[in-house]
Structure formats: C-alpha cells, structure tokens
C-alpha cells in the first residue's frame, strides 16, 4: 500500500505511450519547453525594462514645479 515500485511505473508509462503515442508526447515536450523558454524571456525582459525605466527617470529632488499652459504655439520646421 506504500510507494509504487519500478514495475508499477513501467506499466503506467506503457499505458501512457499506448494512449497518446510517441509523436504526441514529443510534441507536448516541445510545447512545454517553448513555454518555459518564453516565460524566462518574459521575466528577463521585464527586468531589463525596469532597469531602463529607472535610468530614464530623473532622480526626485523633492521640489515641485507648478505652471500652466496659456496658449499653444506651433512652430514650422
């Protein structure tokens, strides 16, 4: 009733192979690998984006600049 032996696992593997076939299992493995790779790239992309945002924003000086726009002017280039 305790843990399963190696023979139990081999029977389960044989049944899974018979049901799904090797081609389908290979495709599932490739899809899972691509999903993990995409997740890692996404996490790396967010870290790089955060670094870029931190570099773009000037440090806060604690001063507030107030003003208002009275008239928009257009310049011709």
C-alpha atoms as a PDB file:
ATOM      1  CA  UNK A   1       0.000   0.000   0.000  1.00  0.00           C
ATOM      2  CA  UNK A   2       3.061   2.248   0.363  1.00  0.00           C
ATOM      3  CA  UNK A   3       5.118   3.581  -2.515  1.00  0.00           C
ATOM      4  CA  UNK A   4       4.936   2.232  -6.040  1.00  0.00           C
ATOM      5  CA  UNK A   5       7.708   0.007  -7.353  1.00  0.00           C
ATOM      6  CA  UNK A   6       9.572   0.446 -10.633  1.00  0.00           C
ATOM      7  CA  UNK A   7       7.280  -2.132 -12.271  1.00  0.00           C
ATOM      8  CA  UNK A   8       4.210  -0.063 -11.468  1.00  0.00           C
ATOM      9  CA  UNK A   9       5.823   2.997 -13.085  1.00  0.00           C
ATOM     10  CA  UNK A  10       6.814   0.996 -16.188  1.00  0.00           C
ATOM     11  CA  UNK A  11       3.227  -0.214 -16.613  1.00  0.00           C
ATOM     12  CA  UNK A  12       1.917   3.340 -16.256  1.00  0.00           C
ATOM     13  CA  UNK A  13       4.471   4.574 -18.816  1.00  0.00           C
ATOM     14  CA  UNK A  14       3.492   1.795 -21.253  1.00  0.00           C
ATOM     15  CA  UNK A  15      -0.213   2.690 -20.913  1.00  0.00           C
ATOM     16  CA  UNK A  16       0.521   6.384 -21.483  1.00  0.00           C
ATOM     17  CA  UNK A  17       2.573   5.540 -24.590  1.00  0.00           C
ATOM     18  CA  UNK A  18      -0.232   3.370 -25.931  1.00  0.00           C
ATOM     19  CA  UNK A  19      -2.872   6.039 -25.342  1.00  0.00           C
ATOM     20  CA  UNK A  20      -1.028   9.126 -26.573  1.00  0.00           C
ATOM     21  CA  UNK A  21       1.654   7.726 -28.864  1.00  0.00           C
ATOM     22  CA  UNK A  22       5.250   8.885 -29.053  1.00  0.00           C
ATOM     23  CA  UNK A  23       4.621  11.698 -31.545  1.00  0.00           C
ATOM     24  CA  UNK A  24       2.050  13.389 -29.347  1.00  0.00           C
ATOM     25  CA  UNK A  25       4.273  13.060 -26.274  1.00  0.00           C
ATOM     26  CA  UNK A  26       7.213  14.537 -28.202  1.00  0.00           C
ATOM     27  CA  UNK A  27       5.036  17.495 -29.250  1.00  0.00           C
ATOM     28  CA  UNK A  28       3.892  18.016 -25.666  1.00  0.00           C
ATOM     29  CA  UNK A  29       7.527  18.061 -24.532  1.00  0.00           C
ATOM     30  CA  UNK A  30       8.480  20.607 -27.205  1.00  0.00           C
ATOM     31  CA  UNK A  31       5.492  22.805 -26.352  1.00  0.00           C
ATOM     32  CA  UNK A  32       6.355  22.670 -22.665  1.00  0.00           C
ATOM     33  CA  UNK A  33       9.978  23.592 -23.417  1.00  0.00           C
ATOM     34  CA  UNK A  34       8.889  26.557 -25.546  1.00  0.00           C
ATOM     35  CA  UNK A  35       6.530  27.715 -22.802  1.00  0.00           C
ATOM     36  CA  UNK A  36       9.305  27.629 -20.198  1.00  0.00           C
ATOM     37  CA  UNK A  37      11.671  29.461 -22.554  1.00  0.00           C
ATOM     38  CA  UNK A  38       9.035  32.115 -23.249  1.00  0.00           C
ATOM     39  CA  UNK A  39       8.419  32.557 -19.534  1.00  0.00           C
ATOM     40  CA  UNK A  40      12.140  33.013 -18.840  1.00  0.00           C
ATOM     41  CA  UNK A  41      12.464  35.529 -21.702  1.00  0.00           C
ATOM     42  CA  UNK A  42       9.436  37.394 -20.394  1.00  0.00           C
ATOM     43  CA  UNK A  43      10.877  37.602 -16.902  1.00  0.00           C
ATOM     44  CA  UNK A  44      14.248  38.715 -18.262  1.00  0.00           C
ATOM     45  CA  UNK A  45      12.510  41.289 -20.487  1.00  0.00           C
ATOM     46  CA  UNK A  46      10.666  42.788 -17.507  1.00  0.00           C
ATOM     47  CA  UNK A  47      13.901  43.075 -15.528  1.00  0.00           C
ATOM     48  CA  UNK A  48      15.613  44.854 -18.433  1.00  0.00           C
ATOM     49  CA  UNK A  49      12.587  47.124 -18.901  1.00  0.00           C
ATOM     50  CA  UNK A  50      12.618  48.042 -15.197  1.00  0.00           C
ATOM     51  CA  UNK A  51      16.319  48.925 -15.428  1.00  0.00           C
ATOM     52  CA  UNK A  52      15.656  51.079 -18.497  1.00  0.00           C
ATOM     53  CA  UNK A  53      12.789  52.900 -16.767  1.00  0.00           C
ATOM     54  CA  UNK A  54      14.963  53.598 -13.754  1.00  0.00           C
ATOM     55  CA  UNK A  55      17.688  55.064 -15.968  1.00  0.00           C
ATOM     56  CA  UNK A  56      15.264  57.289 -17.895  1.00  0.00           C
ATOM     57  CA  UNK A  57      13.538  58.839 -14.888  1.00  0.00           C
ATOM     58  CA  UNK A  58      15.492  61.650 -13.258  1.00  0.00           C
ATOM     59  CA  UNK A  59      16.036  61.351  -9.528  1.00  0.00           C
ATOM     60  CA  UNK A  60      13.429  63.079  -7.374  1.00  0.00           C
ATOM     61  CA  UNK A  61      14.678  66.342  -5.856  1.00  0.00           C
ATOM     62  CA  UNK A  62      11.712  66.962  -3.601  1.00  0.00           C
ATOM     63  CA  UNK A  63      10.839  70.202  -5.426  1.00  0.00           C
ATOM     64  CA  UNK A  64       7.541  70.759  -7.156  1.00  0.00           C
ATOM     65  CA  UNK A  65       7.372  72.924 -10.258  1.00  0.00           C
ATOM     66  CA  UNK A  66       3.969  74.389 -10.876  1.00  0.00           C
ATOM     67  CA  UNK A  67       2.819  76.126 -14.013  1.00  0.00           C
ATOM     68  CA  UNK A  68       0.041  76.348 -16.524  1.00  0.00           C
ATOM     69  CA  UNK A  69      -0.160  76.448 -20.284  1.00  0.00           C
ATOM     70  CA  UNK A  70      -1.866  79.594 -21.508  1.00  0.00           C
ATOM     71  CA  UNK A  71      -1.508  79.197 -25.266  1.00  0.00           C
ATOM     72  CA  UNK A  72      -0.197  76.521 -27.571  1.00  0.00           C
ATOM     73  CA  UNK A  73       2.006  77.785 -30.354  1.00  0.00           C
ATOM     74  CA  UNK A  74       3.063  75.826 -33.378  1.00  0.00           C
ATOM     75  CA  UNK A  75       6.432  76.216 -34.990  1.00  0.00           C
ATOM     76  CA  UNK A  76       7.027  75.375 -38.612  1.00  0.00           C
ATOM     77  CA  UNK A  77      10.128  73.407 -39.384  1.00  0.00           C
END
